Amino acid sequence: MTVLPTKLTEPSARPVETKPPAKPLPAKLTDPPPVEPVETQPPTELPPAKLTDPPLVELVETPSWRQHFRSRLDRHPEWLAMLLAATAWVALALALDWFEPAGALPSSHHHTSDGTTAHPHPIDAQLLSWLLMVIAMMLPTTVPHLRYLGFNTRRARRQRTLALFTLGYLAAWLGPGMLLAVMPGPVPASALTVLVLAAGAWELTPIKRRALRGCCRTMPVGFAGPSADAAAVEYGLRHGVVCLLVSGPAMVVLMLAGHPWWATLALAIVMAAQKLLTRPEQWRALVALGWLASGLAVAGMAILDAA
């Protein structure tokens, strides 16, 4: 039996299923819009600079010396008060004959019938010396308060406010000066020694400690108007009373001692340090020891003069 060969037949090609093209998704509201390309032009080339062309220089206006000086005065509104204090130092030195040589007779003195010397118009001279001492020695210690007032009022009325503060400040010191002016005769050495020791003891009292803390306190003031003027005077008066509690005993002793130049300068430095440095309470014991040494020196000089 013969087997017939099978006929090789080609497989039938199946149709390929084609999918329709996918539809584009709708654009979301958050998608950025398509940006169309913008044709950019090449930068234009600048012509080469010639060697003869001058370089470009930016002109900067420099302030003149007047503008610089005026700006410095605006930053330091207390300049007029400090000028007044410096003038008071010179006037005090002339009134007390600090520049006279030792042994020379001052021209402000005149001879009396018994051969001694005396000042003309002693009450006026004493009161003037007291006011000059307060202006020269105490006004520089008010610099923080003067700056506070100067920067919290209108610029056009700044010096007016500071002048009203100064008047109120000096009014607080006027009472002790009038009492010292009417005191008769010089103070004996024994009484002066007691006063010096009392001034040293005052440094250790609670009143002096609270007054030192009160020197750093301010009060609200008006920006303009009559209320600002009244507040400036009240501010100066209150601060003057506080300063009187701080330095009043020392100033009285200096006045009764004849205010020698070395004691005046030393006391001015001490009082300025107590009011302007931080934590002034820590210097009270040292200042009290200085007063004690001064009292012992005055007592020793009185004993030597008596011997």
C-alpha atoms as a PDB file:
ATOM      1  CA  MET A   1       0.000   0.000   0.000  1.00  0.00           C
ATOM      2  CA  THR A   2       1.440   3.232  -1.027  1.00  0.00           C
ATOM      3  CA  VAL A   3       1.213   6.428   1.033  1.00  0.00           C
ATOM      4  CA  LEU A   4       0.570   9.526  -0.904  1.00  0.00           C
ATOM      5  CA  PRO A   5       2.563  12.576   0.065  1.00  0.00           C
ATOM      6  CA  THR A   6       0.613  15.246   1.773  1.00  0.00           C
ATOM      7  CA  LYS A   7       0.362  18.544   0.028  1.00  0.00           C
ATOM      8  CA  LEU A   8       1.903  21.382   1.808  1.00  0.00           C
ATOM      9  CA  THR A   9      -0.515  24.183   1.994  1.00  0.00           C
ATOM     10  CA  GLU A  10       0.336  27.758   3.014  1.00  0.00           C
ATOM     11  CA  PRO A  11      -1.322  28.915   6.167  1.00  0.00           C
ATOM     12  CA  SER A  12      -4.033  31.386   5.707  1.00  0.00           C
ATOM     13  CA  ALA A  13      -3.128  34.928   6.759  1.00  0.00           C
ATOM     14  CA  ARG A  14      -5.293  36.270   9.542  1.00  0.00           C
ATOM     15  CA  PRO A  15      -6.505  39.840   9.329  1.00  0.00           C
ATOM     16  CA  VAL A  16      -4.688  42.204  11.746  1.00  0.00           C
ATOM     17  CA  GLU A  17      -6.983  44.215  13.875  1.00  0.00           C
ATOM     18  CA  THR A  18      -6.079  47.925  13.769  1.00  0.00           C
ATOM     19  CA  LYS A  19      -7.032  50.212  16.609  1.00  0.00           C
ATOM     20  CA  PRO A  20      -8.308  53.685  15.917  1.00  0.00           C
ATOM     21  CA  PRO A  21      -5.883  56.503  16.860  1.00  0.00           C
ATOM     22  CA  ALA A  22      -6.157  57.631  20.453  1.00  0.00           C
ATOM     23  CA  LYS A  23      -7.934  60.867  20.962  1.00  0.00           C
ATOM     24  CA  PRO A  24      -5.874  63.594  22.694  1.00  0.00           C
ATOM     25  CA  LEU A  25      -6.813  64.151  26.292  1.00  0.00           C
ATOM     26  CA  PRO A  26      -8.484  67.439  27.056  1.00  0.00           C
ATOM     27  CA  ALA A  27      -6.092  69.996  28.482  1.00  0.00           C
ATOM     28  CA  LYS A  28      -6.411  70.587  32.167  1.00  0.00           C
ATOM     29  CA  LEU A  29      -6.955  74.010  33.528  1.00  0.00           C
ATOM     30  CA  THR A  30      -3.729  73.747  35.443  1.00  0.00           C
ATOM     31  CA  ASP A  31      -1.590  72.931  32.432  1.00  0.00           C
ATOM     32  CA  PRO A  32       0.393  75.921  31.143  1.00  0.00           C
ATOM     33  CA  PRO A  33      -0.568  77.128  27.695  1.00  0.00           C
ATOM     34  CA  PRO A  34       1.758  76.176  24.924  1.00  0.00           C
ATOM     35  CA  VAL A  35       4.444  78.720  24.350  1.00  0.00           C
ATOM     36  CA  GLU A  36       5.098  79.679  20.810  1.00  0.00           C
ATOM     37  CA  PRO A  37       8.736  80.137  19.932  1.00  0.00           C
ATOM     38  CA  VAL A  38       9.706  83.742  19.582  1.00  0.00           C
ATOM     39  CA  GLU A  39      12.225  84.694  17.068  1.00  0.00           C
ATOM     40  CA  THR A  40      15.115  86.465  18.765  1.00  0.00           C
ATOM     41  CA  GLN A  41      17.379  88.812  16.963  1.00  0.00           C
ATOM     42  CA  PRO A  42      21.085  88.628  17.525  1.00  0.00           C
ATOM     43  CA  PRO A  43      22.460  91.450  19.730  1.00  0.00           C
ATOM     44  CA  THR A  44      23.763  94.373  17.860  1.00  0.00           C
ATOM     45  CA  GLU A  45      27.447  94.758  18.115  1.00  0.00           C
ATOM     46  CA  LEU A  46      28.688  98.053  19.562  1.00  0.00           C
ATOM     47  CA  PRO A  47      31.330  99.868  17.643  1.00  0.00           C
ATOM     48  CA  PRO A  48      34.762  99.498  19.156  1.00  0.00           C
ATOM     49  CA  ALA A  49      35.699 102.345  21.496  1.00  0.00           C
ATOM     50  CA  LYS A  50      38.302 104.655  20.228  1.00  0.00           C
ATOM     51  CA  LEU A  51      41.377 105.370  22.236  1.00  0.00           C
ATOM     52  CA  THR A  52      40.554 109.029  22.168  1.00  0.00           C
ATOM     53  CA  ASP A  53      37.102 108.623  23.782  1.00  0.00           C
ATOM     54  CA  PRO A  54      37.026 109.614  27.511  1.00  0.00           C
ATOM     55  CA  PRO A  55      35.999 106.894  29.989  1.00  0.00           C
ATOM     56  CA  LEU A  56      32.488 106.960  31.375  1.00  0.00           C
ATOM     57  CA  VAL A  57      32.555 108.394  34.932  1.00  0.00           C
ATOM     58  CA  GLU A  58      29.497 108.291  37.188  1.00  0.00           C
ATOM     59  CA  LEU A  59      28.960 111.666  38.784  1.00  0.00           C
ATOM     60  CA  VAL A  60      28.376 111.409  42.563  1.00  0.00           C
ATOM     61  CA  GLU A  61      27.331 114.517  44.417  1.00  0.00           C
ATOM     62  CA  THR A  62      29.442 114.912  47.551  1.00  0.00           C
ATOM     63  CA  PRO A  63      27.874 116.821  50.458  1.00  0.00           C
ATOM     64  CA  SER A  64      29.418 120.140  51.300  1.00  0.00           C
ATOM     65  CA  TRP A  65      30.929 120.884  54.678  1.00  0.00           C
ATOM     66  CA  ARG A  66      27.846 122.865  55.624  1.00  0.00           C
ATOM     67  CA  GLN A  67      25.564 119.935  54.947  1.00  0.00           C
ATOM     68  CA  HIS A  68      27.894 117.614  56.838  1.00  0.00           C
ATOM     69  CA  PHE A  69      28.031 119.989  59.790  1.00  0.00           C
ATOM     70  CA  ARG A  70      24.261 120.410  59.801  1.00  0.00           C
ATOM     71  CA  SER A  71      23.705 116.643  59.734  1.00  0.00           C
ATOM     72  CA  ARG A  72      25.999 116.206  62.715  1.00  0.00           C
ATOM     73  CA  LEU A  73      24.036 118.836  64.630  1.00  0.00           C
ATOM     74  CA  ASP A  74      20.821 117.012  63.795  1.00  0.00           C
ATOM     75  CA  ARG A  75      22.259 113.788  65.199  1.00  0.00           C
ATOM     76  CA  HIS A  76      23.285 115.596  68.411  1.00  0.00           C
ATOM     77  CA  PRO A  77      20.424 117.856  69.511  1.00  0.00           C
ATOM     78  CA  GLU A  78      22.137 118.468  72.851  1.00  0.00           C
ATOM     79  CA  TRP A  79      24.916 120.546  71.259  1.00  0.00           C
ATOM     80  CA  LEU A  80      23.494 123.879  72.419  1.00  0.00           C
ATOM     81  CA  ALA A  81      23.217 122.731  76.046  1.00  0.00           C
ATOM     82  CA  MET A  82      26.810 121.459  75.961  1.00  0.00           C
ATOM     83  CA  LEU A  83      27.960 124.790  74.541  1.00  0.00           C
ATOM     84  CA  LEU A  84      26.180 126.506  77.424  1.00  0.00           C
ATOM     85  CA  ALA A  85      27.923 124.207  79.912  1.00  0.00           C
ATOM     86  CA  ALA A  86      31.344 124.938  78.393  1.00  0.00           C
ATOM     87  CA  THR A  87      30.646 128.663  78.584  1.00  0.00           C
ATOM     88  CA  ALA A  88      29.643 128.246  82.237  1.00  0.00           C
ATOM     89  CA  TRP A  89      32.973 126.532  82.979  1.00  0.00           C
ATOM     90  CA  VAL A  90      34.877 129.506  81.573  1.00  0.00           C
ATOM     91  CA  ALA A  91      32.689 132.017  83.403  1.00  0.00           C
ATOM     92  CA  LEU A  92      33.043 130.063  86.652  1.00  0.00           C
ATOM     93  CA  ALA A  93      36.822 130.020  86.338  1.00  0.00           C
ATOM     94  CA  LEU A  94      36.855 133.774  85.764  1.00  0.00           C
ATOM     95  CA  ALA A  95      34.425 134.475  88.613  1.00  0.00           C
ATOM     96  CA  LEU A  96      36.420 132.373  91.074  1.00  0.00           C
ATOM     97  CA  ASP A  97      39.811 133.712  89.911  1.00  0.00           C
ATOM     98  CA  TRP A  98      41.192 130.289  89.014  1.00  0.00           C
ATOM     99  CA  PHE A  99      43.568 131.852  86.488  1.00  0.00           C
ATOM    100  CA  GLU A 100      45.040 134.308  88.970  1.00  0.00           C
ATOM    101  CA  PRO A 101      48.609 133.492  90.131  1.00  0.00           C
ATOM    102  CA  ALA A 102      49.093 132.434  93.709  1.00  0.00           C
ATOM    103  CA  GLY A 103      49.483 135.372  96.077  1.00  0.00           C
ATOM    104  CA  ALA A 104      48.029 137.936  93.668  1.00  0.00           C
ATOM    105  CA  LEU A 105      45.106 140.061  94.772  1.00  0.00           C
ATOM    106  CA  PRO A 106      42.119 139.472  92.504  1.00  0.00           C
ATOM    107  CA  SER A 107      40.724 142.531  90.815  1.00  0.00           C
ATOM    108  CA  SER A 108      37.178 141.686  91.876  1.00  0.00           C
ATOM    109  CA  HIS A 109      38.060 142.248  95.516  1.00  0.00           C
ATOM    110  CA  HIS A 110      38.246 145.561  97.327  1.00  0.00           C
ATOM    111  CA  HIS A 111      39.739 146.530 100.658  1.00  0.00           C
ATOM    112  CA  THR A 112      37.545 147.153 103.673  1.00  0.00           C
ATOM    113  CA  SER A 113      38.248 149.476 106.603  1.00  0.00           C
ATOM    114  CA  ASP A 114      39.943 146.767 108.663  1.00  0.00           C
ATOM    115  CA  GLY A 115      42.315 145.712 105.887  1.00  0.00           C
ATOM    116  CA  THR A 116      40.497 142.531 104.844  1.00  0.00           C
ATOM    117  CA  THR A 117      39.068 141.824 101.431  1.00  0.00           C
ATOM    118  CA  ALA A 118      35.487 141.189 100.450  1.00  0.00           C
ATOM    119  CA  HIS A 119      33.440 140.606  97.317  1.00  0.00           C
ATOM    120  CA  PRO A 120      31.099 143.375  96.156  1.00  0.00           C
ATOM    121  CA  HIS A 121      27.459 142.267  96.240  1.00  0.00           C
ATOM    122  CA  PRO A 122      28.138 138.944  98.008  1.00  0.00           C
ATOM    123  CA  ILE A 123      24.578 137.642  97.709  1.00  0.00           C
ATOM    124  CA  ASP A 124      24.449 138.193  93.966  1.00  0.00           C
ATOM    125  CA  ALA A 125      27.947 136.782  93.519  1.00  0.00           C
ATOM    126  CA  GLN A 126      27.158 133.677  95.563  1.00  0.00           C
ATOM    127  CA  LEU A 127      23.928 133.014  93.695  1.00  0.00           C
ATOM    128  CA  LEU A 128      25.665 133.530  90.355  1.00  0.00           C
ATOM    129  CA  SER A 129      28.449 131.140  91.370  1.00  0.00           C
ATOM    130  CA  TRP A 130      25.871 128.538  92.374  1.00  0.00           C
ATOM    131  CA  LEU A 131      24.023 128.774  89.056  1.00  0.00           C
ATOM    132  CA  LEU A 132      27.275 128.606  87.093  1.00  0.00           C
ATOM    133  CA  MET A 133      28.303 125.528  89.072  1.00  0.00           C
ATOM    134  CA  VAL A 134      24.993 123.801  88.357  1.00  0.00           C
ATOM    135  CA  ILE A 135      25.130 124.601  84.635  1.00  0.00           C
ATOM    136  CA  ALA A 136      28.782 123.596  84.261  1.00  0.00           C
ATOM    137  CA  MET A 137      28.772 120.467  86.426  1.00  0.00           C
ATOM    138  CA  MET A 138      25.217 119.124  86.296  1.00  0.00           C
ATOM    139  CA  LEU A 139      23.914 120.021  82.840  1.00  0.00           C
ATOM    140  CA  PRO A 140      26.311 117.611  81.036  1.00  0.00           C
ATOM    141  CA  THR A 141      24.884 114.757  83.120  1.00  0.00           C
ATOM    142  CA  THR A 142      21.481 115.298  81.479  1.00  0.00           C
ATOM    143  CA  VAL A 143      22.682 114.386  77.969  1.00  0.00           C
ATOM    144  CA  PRO A 144      20.570 111.179  77.710  1.00  0.00           C
ATOM    145  CA  HIS A 145      17.431 113.100  78.649  1.00  0.00           C
ATOM    146  CA  LEU A 146      18.248 115.937  76.255  1.00  0.00           C
ATOM    147  CA  ARG A 147      18.662 113.448  73.410  1.00  0.00           C
ATOM    148  CA  TYR A 148      15.417 111.737  74.378  1.00  0.00           C
ATOM    149  CA  LEU A 149      13.569 115.049  74.181  1.00  0.00           C
ATOM    150  CA  GLY A 150      15.309 116.098  70.978  1.00  0.00           C
ATOM    151  CA  PHE A 151      14.336 112.953  69.080  1.00  0.00           C
ATOM    152  CA  ASN A 152      10.742 112.873  70.371  1.00  0.00           C
ATOM    153  CA  THR A 153       9.671 116.379  69.347  1.00  0.00           C
ATOM    154  CA  ARG A 154       9.350 118.178  66.057  1.00  0.00           C
ATOM    155  CA  ARG A 155      12.583 119.196  64.431  1.00  0.00           C
ATOM    156  CA  ALA A 156      11.473 122.818  64.052  1.00  0.00           C
ATOM    157  CA  ARG A 157      10.897 123.201  67.821  1.00  0.00           C
ATOM    158  CA  ARG A 158      13.648 120.936  69.087  1.00  0.00           C
ATOM    159  CA  GLN A 159      15.861 123.558  70.728  1.00  0.00           C
ATOM    160  CA  ARG A 160      12.819 125.252  72.196  1.00  0.00           C
ATOM    161  CA  THR A 161      11.868 122.046  73.976  1.00  0.00           C
ATOM    162  CA  LEU A 162      15.399 121.567  75.278  1.00  0.00           C
ATOM    163  CA  ALA A 163      15.484 125.158  76.533  1.00  0.00           C
ATOM    164  CA  LEU A 164      12.238 124.639  78.459  1.00  0.00           C
ATOM    165  CA  PHE A 165      13.640 121.451  79.959  1.00  0.00           C
ATOM    166  CA  THR A 166      16.780 123.325  81.029  1.00  0.00           C
ATOM    167  CA  LEU A 167      14.745 126.093  82.663  1.00  0.00           C
ATOM    168  CA  GLY A 168      12.750 123.565  84.656  1.00  0.00           C
ATOM    169  CA  TYR A 169      15.928 121.757  85.616  1.00  0.00           C
ATOM    170  CA  LEU A 170      17.618 124.931  86.883  1.00  0.00           C
ATOM    171  CA  ALA A 171      14.468 125.959  88.771  1.00  0.00           C
ATOM    172  CA  ALA A 172      14.819 122.853  90.939  1.00  0.00           C
ATOM    173  CA  TRP A 173      18.361 123.924  91.908  1.00  0.00           C
ATOM    174  CA  LEU A 174      17.497 127.551  92.551  1.00  0.00           C
ATOM    175  CA  GLY A 175      16.156 127.049  96.098  1.00  0.00           C
ATOM    176  CA  PRO A 176      19.368 125.679  97.696  1.00  0.00           C
ATOM    177  CA  GLY A 177      21.382 128.369  95.921  1.00  0.00           C
ATOM    178  CA  MET A 178      19.295 131.143  97.432  1.00  0.00           C
ATOM    179  CA  LEU A 179      19.667 129.649 100.914  1.00  0.00           C
ATOM    180  CA  LEU A 180      23.446 129.461 100.529  1.00  0.00           C
ATOM    181  CA  ALA A 181      23.577 133.030  99.211  1.00  0.00           C
ATOM    182  CA  VAL A 182      21.988 134.480 102.360  1.00  0.00           C
ATOM    183  CA  MET A 183      24.183 132.525 104.777  1.00  0.00           C
ATOM    184  CA  PRO A 184      26.341 134.997 106.732  1.00  0.00           C
ATOM    185  CA  GLY A 185      30.117 134.711 106.931  1.00  0.00           C
ATOM    186  CA  PRO A 186      32.489 131.872 106.115  1.00  0.00           C
ATOM    187  CA  VAL A 187      31.910 128.395 107.530  1.00  0.00           C
ATOM    188  CA  PRO A 188      34.277 127.311 110.322  1.00  0.00           C
ATOM    189  CA  ALA A 189      36.609 124.414 109.636  1.00  0.00           C
ATOM    190  CA  SER A 190      34.949 122.226 112.261  1.00  0.00           C
ATOM    191  CA  ALA A 191      31.508 122.714 110.701  1.00  0.00           C
ATOM    192  CA  LEU A 192      32.939 122.105 107.233  1.00  0.00           C
ATOM    193  CA  THR A 193      34.454 118.826 108.441  1.00  0.00           C
ATOM    194  CA  VAL A 194      31.081 117.684 109.739  1.00  0.00           C
ATOM    195  CA  LEU A 195      29.417 118.616 106.443  1.00  0.00           C
ATOM    196  CA  VAL A 196      32.012 116.695 104.433  1.00  0.00           C
ATOM    197  CA  LEU A 197      31.490 113.577 106.550  1.00  0.00           C
ATOM    198  CA  ALA A 198      27.716 113.997 106.248  1.00  0.00           C
ATOM    199  CA  ALA A 199      28.004 114.160 102.457  1.00  0.00           C
ATOM    200  CA  GLY A 200      29.972 110.914 102.551  1.00  0.00           C
ATOM    201  CA  ALA A 201      27.338 109.258 104.743  1.00  0.00           C
ATOM    202  CA  TRP A 202      24.627 110.414 102.327  1.00  0.00           C
ATOM    203  CA  GLU A 203      26.160 108.174  99.664  1.00  0.00           C
ATOM    204  CA  LEU A 204      25.153 105.080 101.649  1.00  0.00           C
ATOM    205  CA  THR A 205      21.536 106.024 102.337  1.00  0.00           C
ATOM    206  CA  PRO A 206      18.556 104.328 100.602  1.00  0.00           C
ATOM    207  CA  ILE A 207      17.373 107.738  99.389  1.00  0.00           C
ATOM    208  CA  LYS A 208      20.569 108.179  97.382  1.00  0.00           C
ATOM    209  CA  ARG A 209      20.236 104.678  95.951  1.00  0.00           C
ATOM    210  CA  ARG A 210      16.635 105.238  94.804  1.00  0.00           C
ATOM    211  CA  ALA A 211      17.567 108.655  93.404  1.00  0.00           C
ATOM    212  CA  LEU A 212      20.359 107.113  91.330  1.00  0.00           C
ATOM    213  CA  ARG A 213      17.868 104.705  89.798  1.00  0.00           C
ATOM    214  CA  GLY A 214      15.468 107.555  89.149  1.00  0.00           C
ATOM    215  CA  CYS A 215      18.102 109.371  87.096  1.00  0.00           C
ATOM    216  CA  CYS A 216      17.538 106.890  84.257  1.00  0.00           C
ATOM    217  CA  ARG A 217      13.753 107.296  84.090  1.00  0.00           C
ATOM    218  CA  THR A 218      11.993 109.311  81.424  1.00  0.00           C
ATOM    219  CA  MET A 219       8.449 110.594  81.078  1.00  0.00           C
ATOM    220  CA  PRO A 220       6.196 110.950  78.029  1.00  0.00           C
ATOM    221  CA  VAL A 221       6.265 114.311  76.302  1.00  0.00           C
ATOM    222  CA  GLY A 222       4.113 115.822  73.587  1.00  0.00           C
ATOM    223  CA  PHE A 223       5.183 116.130  69.982  1.00  0.00           C
ATOM    224  CA  ALA A 224       4.007 119.717  69.503  1.00  0.00           C
ATOM    225  CA  GLY A 225       1.750 122.347  70.988  1.00  0.00           C
ATOM    226  CA  PRO A 226       1.363 123.914  74.447  1.00  0.00           C
ATOM    227  CA  SER A 227       1.045 120.498  76.076  1.00  0.00           C
ATOM    228  CA  ALA A 228       4.525 119.606  74.806  1.00  0.00           C
ATOM    229  CA  ASP A 229       5.958 122.818  76.275  1.00  0.00           C
ATOM    230  CA  ALA A 230       4.368 122.158  79.658  1.00  0.00           C
ATOM    231  CA  ALA A 231       5.574 118.564  79.599  1.00  0.00           C
ATOM    232  CA  ALA A 232       9.143 119.682  78.848  1.00  0.00           C
ATOM    233  CA  VAL A 233       9.165 122.076  81.829  1.00  0.00           C
ATOM    234  CA  GLU A 234       7.657 119.418  84.102  1.00  0.00           C
ATOM    235  CA  TYR A 235      10.183 116.872  82.876  1.00  0.00           C
ATOM    236  CA  GLY A 236      13.080 119.219  83.667  1.00  0.00           C
ATOM    237  CA  LEU A 237      11.667 120.062  87.093  1.00  0.00           C
ATOM    238  CA  ARG A 238      11.210 116.418  88.061  1.00  0.00           C
ATOM    239  CA  HIS A 239      14.628 115.404  86.848  1.00  0.00           C
ATOM    240  CA  GLY A 240      16.153 118.393  88.642  1.00  0.00           C
ATOM    241  CA  VAL A 241      14.631 117.242  91.943  1.00  0.00           C
ATOM    242  CA  VAL A 242      16.053 113.749  91.425  1.00  0.00           C
ATOM    243  CA  CYS A 243      19.499 115.191  90.634  1.00  0.00           C
ATOM    244  CA  LEU A 244      19.247 117.391  93.709  1.00  0.00           C
ATOM    245  CA  LEU A 245      18.814 114.272  95.844  1.00  0.00           C
ATOM    246  CA  VAL A 246      21.781 112.642  94.119  1.00  0.00           C
ATOM    247  CA  SER A 247      24.309 115.473  94.057  1.00  0.00           C
ATOM    248  CA  GLY A 248      22.819 118.227  96.203  1.00  0.00           C
ATOM    249  CA  PRO A 249      24.795 117.518  99.406  1.00  0.00           C
ATOM    250  CA  ALA A 250      28.062 117.341  97.484  1.00  0.00           C
ATOM    251  CA  MET A 251      27.356 120.624  95.692  1.00  0.00           C
ATOM    252  CA  VAL A 252      26.484 122.375  98.960  1.00  0.00           C
ATOM    253  CA  VAL A 253      29.725 121.223 100.581  1.00  0.00           C
ATOM    254  CA  LEU A 254      31.709 122.338  97.537  1.00  0.00           C
ATOM    255  CA  MET A 255      30.053 125.749  97.659  1.00  0.00           C
ATOM    256  CA  LEU A 256      30.789 126.201 101.365  1.00  0.00           C
ATOM    257  CA  ALA A 257      34.388 125.067 100.897  1.00  0.00           C
ATOM    258  CA  GLY A 258      35.062 127.903  98.463  1.00  0.00           C
ATOM    259  CA  HIS A 259      34.894 125.626  95.350  1.00  0.00           C
ATOM    260  CA  PRO A 260      38.638 125.186  94.648  1.00  0.00           C
ATOM    261  CA  TRP A 261      39.351 124.192  91.072  1.00  0.00           C
ATOM    262  CA  TRP A 262      40.758 120.730  91.819  1.00  0.00           C
ATOM    263  CA  ALA A 263      37.794 119.769  94.024  1.00  0.00           C
ATOM    264  CA  THR A 264      35.334 121.157  91.460  1.00  0.00           C
ATOM    265  CA  LEU A 265      36.828 119.114  88.618  1.00  0.00           C
ATOM    266  CA  ALA A 266      37.053 115.950  90.720  1.00  0.00           C
ATOM    267  CA  LEU A 267      33.470 116.242  91.910  1.00  0.00           C
ATOM    268  CA  ALA A 268      32.205 116.947  88.386  1.00  0.00           C
ATOM    269  CA  ILE A 269      33.845 113.740  87.120  1.00  0.00           C
ATOM    270  CA  VAL A 270      32.478 111.674  90.010  1.00  0.00           C
ATOM    271  CA  MET A 271      28.916 112.952  89.614  1.00  0.00           C
ATOM    272  CA  ALA A 272      28.964 112.476  85.845  1.00  0.00           C
ATOM    273  CA  ALA A 273      30.205 108.902  86.295  1.00  0.00           C
ATOM    274  CA  GLN A 274      27.501 108.148  88.849  1.00  0.00           C
ATOM    275  CA  LYS A 275      24.733 109.335  86.539  1.00  0.00           C
ATOM    276  CA  LEU A 276      26.013 108.155  83.152  1.00  0.00           C
ATOM    277  CA  LEU A 277      27.719 104.832  83.848  1.00  0.00           C
ATOM    278  CA  THR A 278      25.825 101.584  84.205  1.00  0.00           C
ATOM    279  CA  ARG A 279      25.057 100.212  87.672  1.00  0.00           C
ATOM    280  CA  PRO A 280      25.993 103.367  89.594  1.00  0.00           C
ATOM    281  CA  GLU A 281      25.135 101.757  92.951  1.00  0.00           C
ATOM    282  CA  GLN A 282      28.376  99.795  92.966  1.00  0.00           C
ATOM    283  CA  TRP A 283      30.425 103.002  93.211  1.00  0.00           C
ATOM    284  CA  ARG A 284      28.659 104.395  96.284  1.00  0.00           C
ATOM    285  CA  ALA A 285      31.011 102.807  98.831  1.00  0.00           C
ATOM    286  CA  LEU A 286      34.089 104.054  96.958  1.00  0.00           C
ATOM    287  CA  VAL A 287      32.673 107.586  96.767  1.00  0.00           C
ATOM    288  CA  ALA A 288      31.857 107.469 100.494  1.00  0.00           C
ATOM    289  CA  LEU A 289      35.465 106.518 101.251  1.00  0.00           C
ATOM    290  CA  GLY A 290      36.607 109.491  99.177  1.00  0.00           C
ATOM    291  CA  TRP A 291      34.415 111.813 101.228  1.00  0.00           C
ATOM    292  CA  LEU A 292      35.776 110.311 104.427  1.00  0.00           C
ATOM    293  CA  ALA A 293      39.331 110.967 103.297  1.00  0.00           C
ATOM    294  CA  SER A 294      38.378 114.536 102.351  1.00  0.00           C
ATOM    295  CA  GLY A 295      36.823 115.088 105.783  1.00  0.00           C
ATOM    296  CA  LEU A 296      39.942 113.856 107.513  1.00  0.00           C
ATOM    297  CA  ALA A 297      42.079 116.133 105.326  1.00  0.00           C
ATOM    298  CA  VAL A 298      39.942 119.165 106.176  1.00  0.00           C
ATOM    299  CA  ALA A 299      40.117 118.319 109.881  1.00  0.00           C
ATOM    300  CA  GLY A 300      43.892 117.926 109.712  1.00  0.00           C
ATOM    301  CA  MET A 301      44.320 121.254 107.957  1.00  0.00           C
ATOM    302  CA  ALA A 302      42.136 122.931 110.598  1.00  0.00           C
ATOM    303  CA  ILE A 303      44.259 121.472 113.377  1.00  0.00           C
ATOM    304  CA  LEU A 304      47.469 122.634 111.717  1.00  0.00           C
ATOM    305  CA  ASP A 305      46.089 126.142 111.201  1.00  0.00           C
ATOM    306  CA  ALA A 306      45.008 126.292 114.848  1.00  0.00           C
ATOM    307  CA  ALA A 307      48.467 125.177 116.027  1.00  0.00           C
END
